[in-house]
C-alpha atoms as a PDB file:
ATOM      1  CA  UNK A   1     -16.194  15.748  -8.870  1.00  0.00           C
ATOM      2  CA  UNK A   2     -13.321  15.588  -6.527  1.00  0.00           C
ATOM      3  CA  UNK A   3     -12.283  12.636  -4.621  1.00  0.00           C
ATOM      4  CA  UNK A   4     -13.377  12.515  -0.988  1.00  0.00           C
ATOM      5  CA  UNK A   5     -11.432  10.335   1.217  1.00  0.00           C
ATOM      6  CA  UNK A   6     -11.455  10.275   5.100  1.00  0.00           C
ATOM      7  CA  UNK A   7      -8.817   8.516   6.859  1.00  0.00           C
ATOM      8  CA  UNK A   8     -10.505   6.851  10.072  1.00  0.00           C
ATOM      9  CA  UNK A   9      -7.224   5.063  11.211  1.00  0.00           C
ATOM     10  CA  UNK A  10      -3.607   4.380  10.589  1.00  0.00           C
ATOM     11  CA  UNK A  11      -1.260   1.884  12.290  1.00  0.00           C
ATOM     12  CA  UNK A  12       2.516   1.558  11.722  1.00  0.00           C
ATOM     13  CA  UNK A  13       4.359  -1.212  12.947  1.00  0.00           C
ATOM     14  CA  UNK A  14       7.916  -1.181  14.385  1.00  0.00           C
ATOM     15  CA  UNK A  15       7.778  -5.001  14.888  1.00  0.00           C
ATOM     16  CA  UNK A  16      10.424  -6.846  12.473  1.00  0.00           C
ATOM     17  CA  UNK A  17       9.537 -10.164  11.231  1.00  0.00           C
ATOM     18  CA  UNK A  18      11.544 -12.959  12.326  1.00  0.00           C
ATOM     19  CA  UNK A  19      11.346 -14.193   8.931  1.00  0.00           C
ATOM     20  CA  UNK A  20       9.999 -12.965   5.326  1.00  0.00           C
ATOM     21  CA  UNK A  21       7.622 -14.991   3.828  1.00  0.00           C
ATOM     22  CA  UNK A  22       7.106 -15.587   0.272  1.00  0.00           C
ATOM     23  CA  UNK A  23       4.105 -13.982  -1.533  1.00  0.00           C
ATOM     24  CA  UNK A  24       2.674 -17.330  -2.124  1.00  0.00           C
ATOM     25  CA  UNK A  25       2.869 -18.372   1.741  1.00  0.00           C
ATOM     26  CA  UNK A  26       1.131 -14.696   2.703  1.00  0.00           C
ATOM     27  CA  UNK A  27      -1.835 -14.951   0.233  1.00  0.00           C
ATOM     28  CA  UNK A  28      -2.384 -18.628   1.312  1.00  0.00           C
ATOM     29  CA  UNK A  29      -2.595 -17.400   5.033  1.00  0.00           C
ATOM     30  CA  UNK A  30      -4.607 -14.421   4.382  1.00  0.00           C
ATOM     31  CA  UNK A  31      -7.436 -16.556   3.395  1.00  0.00           C
ATOM     32  CA  UNK A  32      -7.060 -18.512   0.009  1.00  0.00           C
ATOM     33  CA  UNK A  33      -8.455 -22.032   0.080  1.00  0.00           C
ATOM     34  CA  UNK A  34      -9.126 -21.630   3.875  1.00  0.00           C
ATOM     35  CA  UNK A  35     -11.443 -23.383   6.087  1.00  0.00           C
ATOM     36  CA  UNK A  36     -14.367 -21.382   6.845  1.00  0.00           C
ATOM     37  CA  UNK A  37     -14.229 -19.282  10.247  1.00  0.00           C
ATOM     38  CA  UNK A  38     -16.536 -20.315  12.808  1.00  0.00           C
ATOM     39  CA  UNK A  39     -19.227 -17.962  13.216  1.00  0.00           C
ATOM     40  CA  UNK A  40     -19.129 -15.634  16.132  1.00  0.00           C
ATOM     41  CA  UNK A  41     -21.975 -15.809  18.688  1.00  0.00           C
ATOM     42  CA  UNK A  42     -21.206 -12.943  20.898  1.00  0.00           C
ATOM     43  CA  UNK A  43     -20.224  -9.523  20.065  1.00  0.00           C
ATOM     44  CA  UNK A  44     -17.802  -7.594  22.317  1.00  0.00           C
ATOM     45  CA  UNK A  45     -16.308  -4.140  22.382  1.00  0.00           C
ATOM     46  CA  UNK A  46     -12.825  -3.621  21.071  1.00  0.00           C
ATOM     47  CA  UNK A  47     -10.110  -4.648  23.747  1.00  0.00           C
ATOM     48  CA  UNK A  48      -6.817  -2.897  23.336  1.00  0.00           C
ATOM     49  CA  UNK A  49      -4.663  -4.782  25.935  1.00  0.00           C
ATOM     50  CA  UNK A  50      -3.844  -8.620  25.931  1.00  0.00           C
ATOM     51  CA  UNK A  51      -1.858 -10.746  28.243  1.00  0.00           C
ATOM     52  CA  UNK A  52      -0.417 -14.250  27.803  1.00  0.00           C
ATOM     53  CA  UNK A  53       0.010 -16.901  30.639  1.00  0.00           C
ATOM     54  CA  UNK A  54       2.576 -18.985  30.837  1.00  0.00           C
ATOM     55  CA  UNK A  55       0.475 -21.969  30.439  1.00  0.00           C
ATOM     56  CA  UNK A  56      -0.858 -20.259  27.244  1.00  0.00           C
ATOM     57  CA  UNK A  57       2.391 -19.865  26.089  1.00  0.00           C
ATOM     58  CA  UNK A  58       3.667 -23.330  26.754  1.00  0.00           C
ATOM     59  CA  UNK A  59       0.723 -24.589  24.625  1.00  0.00           C
ATOM     60  CA  UNK A  60       1.261 -22.239  21.439  1.00  0.00           C
ATOM     61  CA  UNK A  61       4.571 -24.180  21.417  1.00  0.00           C
ATOM     62  CA  UNK A  62       3.059 -27.737  21.619  1.00  0.00           C
ATOM     63  CA  UNK A  63      -0.147 -27.062  19.721  1.00  0.00           C
ATOM     64  CA  UNK A  64       0.161 -24.266  17.428  1.00  0.00           C
ATOM     65  CA  UNK A  65       3.516 -22.938  16.367  1.00  0.00           C
ATOM     66  CA  UNK A  66       6.168 -22.108  15.297  1.00  0.00           C
ATOM     67  CA  UNK A  67       8.025 -22.104  18.500  1.00  0.00           C
ATOM     68  CA  UNK A  68       8.420 -18.231  19.843  1.00  0.00           C
ATOM     69  CA  UNK A  69       9.098 -16.621  23.488  1.00  0.00           C
ATOM     70  CA  UNK A  70       6.464 -15.690  25.651  1.00  0.00           C
ATOM     71  CA  UNK A  71       7.498 -12.213  24.902  1.00  0.00           C
ATOM     72  CA  UNK A  72       7.395 -12.599  21.070  1.00  0.00           C
ATOM     73  CA  UNK A  73       3.850 -13.954  21.527  1.00  0.00           C
ATOM     74  CA  UNK A  74       2.617 -11.170  23.688  1.00  0.00           C
ATOM     75  CA  UNK A  75       3.777  -8.566  21.134  1.00  0.00           C
ATOM     76  CA  UNK A  76       2.076 -10.286  18.296  1.00  0.00           C
ATOM     77  CA  UNK A  77      -1.044 -10.669  20.139  1.00  0.00           C
ATOM     78  CA  UNK A  78      -0.809  -7.087  21.430  1.00  0.00           C
ATOM     79  CA  UNK A  79      -0.781  -5.946  17.917  1.00  0.00           C
ATOM     80  CA  UNK A  80      -3.664  -7.846  16.839  1.00  0.00           C
ATOM     81  CA  UNK A  81      -6.173  -6.740  19.356  1.00  0.00           C
ATOM     82  CA  UNK A  82      -5.575  -3.338  17.482  1.00  0.00           C
ATOM     83  CA  UNK A  83      -6.994  -5.284  14.341  1.00  0.00           C
ATOM     84  CA  UNK A  84     -10.615  -6.373  15.841  1.00  0.00           C
ATOM     85  CA  UNK A  85     -11.317  -8.474  12.326  1.00  0.00           C
ATOM     86  CA  UNK A  86      -8.414 -10.682  13.092  1.00  0.00           C
ATOM     87  CA  UNK A  87      -9.448 -11.798  16.506  1.00  0.00           C
ATOM     88  CA  UNK A  88     -12.956 -12.894  17.099  1.00  0.00           C
ATOM     89  CA  UNK A  89     -14.738 -13.649  20.475  1.00  0.00           C
ATOM     90  CA  UNK A  90     -16.974 -16.465  20.097  1.00  0.00           C
ATOM     91  CA  UNK A  91     -18.231 -16.448  23.433  1.00  0.00           C
ATOM     92  CA  UNK A  92     -17.238 -14.771  26.872  1.00  0.00           C
ATOM     93  CA  UNK A  93     -14.458 -17.476  27.215  1.00  0.00           C
ATOM     94  CA  UNK A  94     -13.415 -18.587  23.622  1.00  0.00           C
ATOM     95  CA  UNK A  95     -11.687 -16.725  20.907  1.00  0.00           C
ATOM     96  CA  UNK A  96     -10.586 -17.461  17.542  1.00  0.00           C
ATOM     97  CA  UNK A  97      -7.176 -15.660  15.928  1.00  0.00           C
ATOM     98  CA  UNK A  98      -6.995 -15.287  12.171  1.00  0.00           C
ATOM     99  CA  UNK A  99      -9.883 -17.834  11.476  1.00  0.00           C
ATOM    100  CA  UNK A 100      -7.695 -20.531  12.609  1.00  0.00           C
ATOM    101  CA  UNK A 101      -5.971 -20.451  16.274  1.00  0.00           C
ATOM    102  CA  UNK A 102      -8.471 -21.375  18.712  1.00  0.00           C
ATOM    103  CA  UNK A 103      -7.635 -20.097  22.439  1.00  0.00           C
ATOM    104  CA  UNK A 104      -9.533 -19.613  26.076  1.00  0.00           C
ATOM    105  CA  UNK A 105      -9.180 -16.231  27.755  1.00  0.00           C
ATOM    106  CA  UNK A 106     -10.530 -14.268  30.870  1.00  0.00           C
ATOM    107  CA  UNK A 107     -11.764 -10.736  30.617  1.00  0.00           C
ATOM    108  CA  UNK A 108     -10.063  -8.707  33.814  1.00  0.00           C
ATOM    109  CA  UNK A 109     -11.197  -5.099  33.209  1.00  0.00           C
ATOM    110  CA  UNK A 110      -9.563  -3.972  29.955  1.00  0.00           C
ATOM    111  CA  UNK A 111      -7.473  -6.773  29.547  1.00  0.00           C
ATOM    112  CA  UNK A 112      -7.853 -10.055  27.986  1.00  0.00           C
ATOM    113  CA  UNK A 113      -5.765 -12.786  29.793  1.00  0.00           C
ATOM    114  CA  UNK A 114      -5.299 -15.783  27.160  1.00  0.00           C
ATOM    115  CA  UNK A 115      -5.302 -18.795  29.543  1.00  0.00           C
ATOM    116  CA  UNK A 116      -4.473 -21.497  27.011  1.00  0.00           C
ATOM    117  CA  UNK A 117      -4.171 -22.151  22.997  1.00  0.00           C
ATOM    118  CA  UNK A 118      -5.815 -25.510  21.889  1.00  0.00           C
ATOM    119  CA  UNK A 119      -4.412 -25.284  18.270  1.00  0.00           C
ATOM    120  CA  UNK A 120      -5.097 -24.466  14.638  1.00  0.00           C
ATOM    121  CA  UNK A 121      -8.072 -25.572  12.927  1.00  0.00           C
ATOM    122  CA  UNK A 122      -6.289 -26.241  10.166  1.00  0.00           C
ATOM    123  CA  UNK A 123      -4.369 -28.733  11.805  1.00  0.00           C
ATOM    124  CA  UNK A 124      -7.137 -30.246  14.045  1.00  0.00           C
ATOM    125  CA  UNK A 125     -10.003 -30.576  12.378  1.00  0.00           C
ATOM    126  CA  UNK A 126     -11.987 -31.951  15.741  1.00  0.00           C
ATOM    127  CA  UNK A 127     -11.587 -28.093  17.063  1.00  0.00           C
ATOM    128  CA  UNK A 128     -14.248 -26.900  14.338  1.00  0.00           C
ATOM    129  CA  UNK A 129     -16.590 -28.271  16.776  1.00  0.00           C
ATOM    130  CA  UNK A 130     -15.560 -26.821  19.897  1.00  0.00           C
ATOM    131  CA  UNK A 131     -17.925 -26.972  22.064  1.00  0.00           C
ATOM    132  CA  UNK A 132     -18.449 -30.849  21.700  1.00  0.00           C
ATOM    133  CA  UNK A 133     -14.772 -31.192  22.032  1.00  0.00           C
ATOM    134  CA  UNK A 134     -14.620 -29.289  25.310  1.00  0.00           C
ATOM    135  CA  UNK A 135     -17.726 -31.547  26.452  1.00  0.00           C
ATOM    136  CA  UNK A 136     -15.865 -34.573  25.432  1.00  0.00           C
ATOM    137  CA  UNK A 137     -12.652 -33.472  27.190  1.00  0.00           C
ATOM    138  CA  UNK A 138     -14.537 -32.547  30.220  1.00  0.00           C
ATOM    139  CA  UNK A 139     -16.648 -35.701  30.653  1.00  0.00           C
ATOM    140  CA  UNK A 140     -14.858 -38.453  29.210  1.00  0.00           C
ATOM    141  CA  UNK A 141     -11.767 -40.289  30.780  1.00  0.00           C
ATOM    142  CA  UNK A 142      -9.781 -40.041  27.600  1.00  0.00           C
ATOM    143  CA  UNK A 143      -8.392 -36.868  26.700  1.00  0.00           C
ATOM    144  CA  UNK A 144      -7.594 -36.083  22.854  1.00  0.00           C
ATOM    145  CA  UNK A 145      -3.794 -35.129  22.527  1.00  0.00           C
ATOM    146  CA  UNK A 146      -3.630 -31.925  20.681  1.00  0.00           C
ATOM    147  CA  UNK A 147       0.152 -31.735  20.084  1.00  0.00           C
ATOM    148  CA  UNK A 148       1.757 -31.747  16.889  1.00  0.00           C
ATOM    149  CA  UNK A 149       5.313 -32.728  15.874  1.00  0.00           C
ATOM    150  CA  UNK A 150       8.157 -30.467  16.005  1.00  0.00           C
ATOM    151  CA  UNK A 151       8.406 -30.304  12.316  1.00  0.00           C
ATOM    152  CA  UNK A 152       4.804 -29.229  11.792  1.00  0.00           C
ATOM    153  CA  UNK A 153       5.260 -26.654  14.512  1.00  0.00           C
ATOM    154  CA  UNK A 154       8.038 -25.196  12.690  1.00  0.00           C
ATOM    155  CA  UNK A 155       6.538 -25.177   9.433  1.00  0.00           C
ATOM    156  CA  UNK A 156       3.660 -23.049  10.655  1.00  0.00           C
ATOM    157  CA  UNK A 157       3.611 -19.072   9.952  1.00  0.00           C
ATOM    158  CA  UNK A 158       3.553 -16.787  12.577  1.00  0.00           C
ATOM    159  CA  UNK A 159       0.321 -14.147  12.002  1.00  0.00           C
ATOM    160  CA  UNK A 160       1.728 -11.816   9.568  1.00  0.00           C
ATOM    161  CA  UNK A 161       1.770  -8.266  11.004  1.00  0.00           C
ATOM    162  CA  UNK A 162       1.491  -5.422   8.226  1.00  0.00           C
ATOM    163  CA  UNK A 163       4.211  -2.802   8.281  1.00  0.00           C
ATOM    164  CA  UNK A 164       1.251  -0.362   7.947  1.00  0.00           C
ATOM    165  CA  UNK A 165      -2.440  -0.423   7.914  1.00  0.00           C
ATOM    166  CA  UNK A 166      -4.698   2.574   6.612  1.00  0.00           C
ATOM    167  CA  UNK A 167      -8.489   2.442   7.044  1.00  0.00           C
ATOM    168  CA  UNK A 168     -10.133   4.893   5.086  1.00  0.00           C
ATOM    169  CA  UNK A 169     -13.665   5.912   3.564  1.00  0.00           C
ATOM    170  CA  UNK A 170     -14.613   7.672   0.279  1.00  0.00           C
ATOM    171  CA  UNK A 171     -18.122   8.668  -0.819  1.00  0.00           C
ATOM    172  CA  UNK A 172     -19.495   5.378  -0.941  1.00  0.00           C
ATOM    173  CA  UNK A 173     -17.039   2.712  -0.046  1.00  0.00           C
ATOM    174  CA  UNK A 174     -14.609   1.795   2.967  1.00  0.00           C
ATOM    175  CA  UNK A 175     -11.290   0.599   2.031  1.00  0.00           C
ATOM    176  CA  UNK A 176      -8.475  -1.356   4.170  1.00  0.00           C
ATOM    177  CA  UNK A 177      -4.897  -0.959   2.575  1.00  0.00           C
ATOM    178  CA  UNK A 178      -2.005  -2.843   4.490  1.00  0.00           C
ATOM    179  CA  UNK A 179       1.745  -3.178   3.352  1.00  0.00           C
ATOM    180  CA  UNK A 180       3.506  -6.673   4.350  1.00  0.00           C
ATOM    181  CA  UNK A 181       6.895  -7.259   3.721  1.00  0.00           C
ATOM    182  CA  UNK A 182       7.669 -10.571   1.885  1.00  0.00           C
ATOM    183  CA  UNK A 183      10.830 -12.054   0.501  1.00  0.00           C
ATOM    184  CA  UNK A 184       9.908 -10.964  -2.994  1.00  0.00           C
ATOM    185  CA  UNK A 185       9.557  -7.202  -1.585  1.00  0.00           C
ATOM    186  CA  UNK A 186       6.528  -5.173  -0.754  1.00  0.00           C
ATOM    187  CA  UNK A 187       3.220  -6.686  -0.762  1.00  0.00           C
ATOM    188  CA  UNK A 188      -0.030  -4.397  -0.595  1.00  0.00           C
ATOM    189  CA  UNK A 189      -3.554  -5.807   0.327  1.00  0.00           C
ATOM    190  CA  UNK A 190      -6.555  -3.781  -0.642  1.00  0.00           C
ATOM    191  CA  UNK A 191     -10.149  -4.623   1.010  1.00  0.00           C
ATOM    192  CA  UNK A 192     -13.075  -2.671  -0.296  1.00  0.00           C
ATOM    193  CA  UNK A 193     -16.545  -2.763   1.560  1.00  0.00           C
ATOM    194  CA  UNK A 194     -19.299  -1.366  -0.399  1.00  0.00           C
ATOM    195  CA  UNK A 195     -21.274   1.042   1.583  1.00  0.00           C
ATOM    196  CA  UNK A 196     -24.632   0.267   0.491  1.00  0.00           C
ATOM    197  CA  UNK A 197     -24.634  -3.749   0.020  1.00  0.00           C
ATOM    198  CA  UNK A 198     -21.890  -4.142   2.387  1.00  0.00           C
ATOM    199  CA  UNK A 199     -19.966  -6.703  -0.190  1.00  0.00           C
ATOM    200  CA  UNK A 200     -16.588  -6.813   0.439  1.00  0.00           C
ATOM    201  CA  UNK A 201     -13.684  -7.406  -2.353  1.00  0.00           C
ATOM    202  CA  UNK A 202      -9.823  -7.986  -1.560  1.00  0.00           C
ATOM    203  CA  UNK A 203      -6.904  -8.589  -3.641  1.00  0.00           C
ATOM    204  CA  UNK A 204      -3.307  -8.159  -3.243  1.00  0.00           C
ATOM    205  CA  UNK A 205      -0.149  -7.330  -5.530  1.00  0.00           C
ATOM    206  CA  UNK A 206       3.587  -6.827  -5.233  1.00  0.00           C
ATOM    207  CA  UNK A 207       4.796  -3.271  -5.340  1.00  0.00           C
ATOM    208  CA  UNK A 208       7.740  -4.092  -7.717  1.00  0.00           C
ATOM    209  CA  UNK A 209       5.423  -5.859 -10.360  1.00  0.00           C
ATOM    210  CA  UNK A 210       2.696  -4.747 -12.654  1.00  0.00           C
ATOM    211  CA  UNK A 211      -0.597  -6.078 -11.295  1.00  0.00           C
ATOM    212  CA  UNK A 212      -3.249  -7.311 -13.641  1.00  0.00           C
ATOM    213  CA  UNK A 213      -6.808  -7.098 -13.034  1.00  0.00           C
ATOM    214  CA  UNK A 214      -6.735  -4.377 -10.123  1.00  0.00           C
ATOM    215  CA  UNK A 215      -9.459  -2.429  -9.613  1.00  0.00           C
ATOM    216  CA  UNK A 216      -8.107   1.093  -8.593  1.00  0.00           C
ATOM    217  CA  UNK A 217     -10.368   4.102  -8.045  1.00  0.00           C
ATOM    218  CA  UNK A 218      -9.247   7.668  -7.255  1.00  0.00           C
ATOM    219  CA  UNK A 219      -9.732   6.869  -3.338  1.00  0.00           C
ATOM    220  CA  UNK A 220      -7.365   4.028  -3.406  1.00  0.00           C
ATOM    221  CA  UNK A 221      -4.887   5.741  -5.637  1.00  0.00           C
ATOM    222  CA  UNK A 222      -4.769   8.677  -3.068  1.00  0.00           C
ATOM    223  CA  UNK A 223      -4.589   6.381  -0.111  1.00  0.00           C
ATOM    224  CA  UNK A 224      -1.785   4.379  -1.458  1.00  0.00           C
ATOM    225  CA  UNK A 225       0.012   7.912  -1.945  1.00  0.00           C
ATOM    226  CA  UNK A 226      -0.377   8.753   1.543  1.00  0.00           C
ATOM    227  CA  UNK A 227       1.168   5.183   2.238  1.00  0.00           C
ATOM    228  CA  UNK A 228       4.254   6.233   0.313  1.00  0.00           C
ATOM    229  CA  UNK A 229       3.105   4.935  -3.003  1.00  0.00           C
ATOM    230  CA  UNK A 230       3.134   7.676  -5.043  1.00  0.00           C
ATOM    231  CA  UNK A 231       5.606   6.927  -7.743  1.00  0.00           C
ATOM    232  CA  UNK A 232       3.967   3.273  -8.213  1.00  0.00           C
ATOM    233  CA  UNK A 233       0.559   5.152  -8.634  1.00  0.00           C
ATOM    234  CA  UNK A 234       2.021   7.813 -11.137  1.00  0.00           C
ATOM    235  CA  UNK A 235       3.662   4.629 -13.091  1.00  0.00           C
ATOM    236  CA  UNK A 236       0.251   2.198 -13.457  1.00  0.00           C
ATOM    237  CA  UNK A 237      -2.395   4.829 -13.024  1.00  0.00           C
ATOM    238  CA  UNK A 238      -2.877   5.415 -16.427  1.00  0.00           C
ATOM    239  CA  UNK A 239      -2.967   1.996 -17.957  1.00  0.00           C
ATOM    240  CA  UNK A 240      -6.538   0.497 -19.139  1.00  0.00           C
ATOM    241  CA  UNK A 241      -6.608  -2.557 -16.584  1.00  0.00           C
ATOM    242  CA  UNK A 242      -7.280  -0.088 -13.685  1.00  0.00           C
ATOM    243  CA  UNK A 243     -10.779   0.917 -14.312  1.00  0.00           C
ATOM    244  CA  UNK A 244     -12.443   3.483 -12.311  1.00  0.00           C
ATOM    245  CA  UNK A 245     -14.895   2.368  -9.879  1.00  0.00           C
ATOM    246  CA  UNK A 246     -17.328   4.040  -7.539  1.00  0.00           C
ATOM    247  CA  UNK A 247     -15.401   5.922  -4.527  1.00  0.00           C
END
């Protein structure tokens, strides 16, 4: 049976990373050993455009980090708006970025205006109960200082922006493949969503290394070839640690 692969979406970023993170840093950011995300309570349609108020940019540089210019921040958030799973709208005024950075916003037509950033859940556990925190801030005389030190600000990672992203589907499964640039080279992440159970699996590997334990079916191999990694596929696809799984 021939492989059936339908490309649903392809994104390529021209943004150059300010600094290259290591493979370990990227894996940690992408979800390993992270705080569980707040469950969204309101579903909204995908929003393509975003703006950032000057107040929000100032709060980013006090509470979130690393320190960036407003134009850099607008560029990053604008790209993330094209990746809906990385920005969750928890209510009509509250959003969560990469399961960590909490912000408030206003909807203005087809544009989201981010009004302020409160901080990172990983740095400020009090934000995990955001409703109670906002109630306290609103009705109590004492306000909580959410600022963090400059050393902690500069130790934070900017939201990683993939060099390229491909969304596709086979006969049964849906796939998301991304290429990130890290200090060790190109790093590929692959996510499979089972079309029947909805179960998701995700893993990553460096292109310059032989990955171990990777599930690699014909659909994934074809998608990697379309992303420019045909030589890598030809080099490793015959190895026994790449078993055939349902496409």
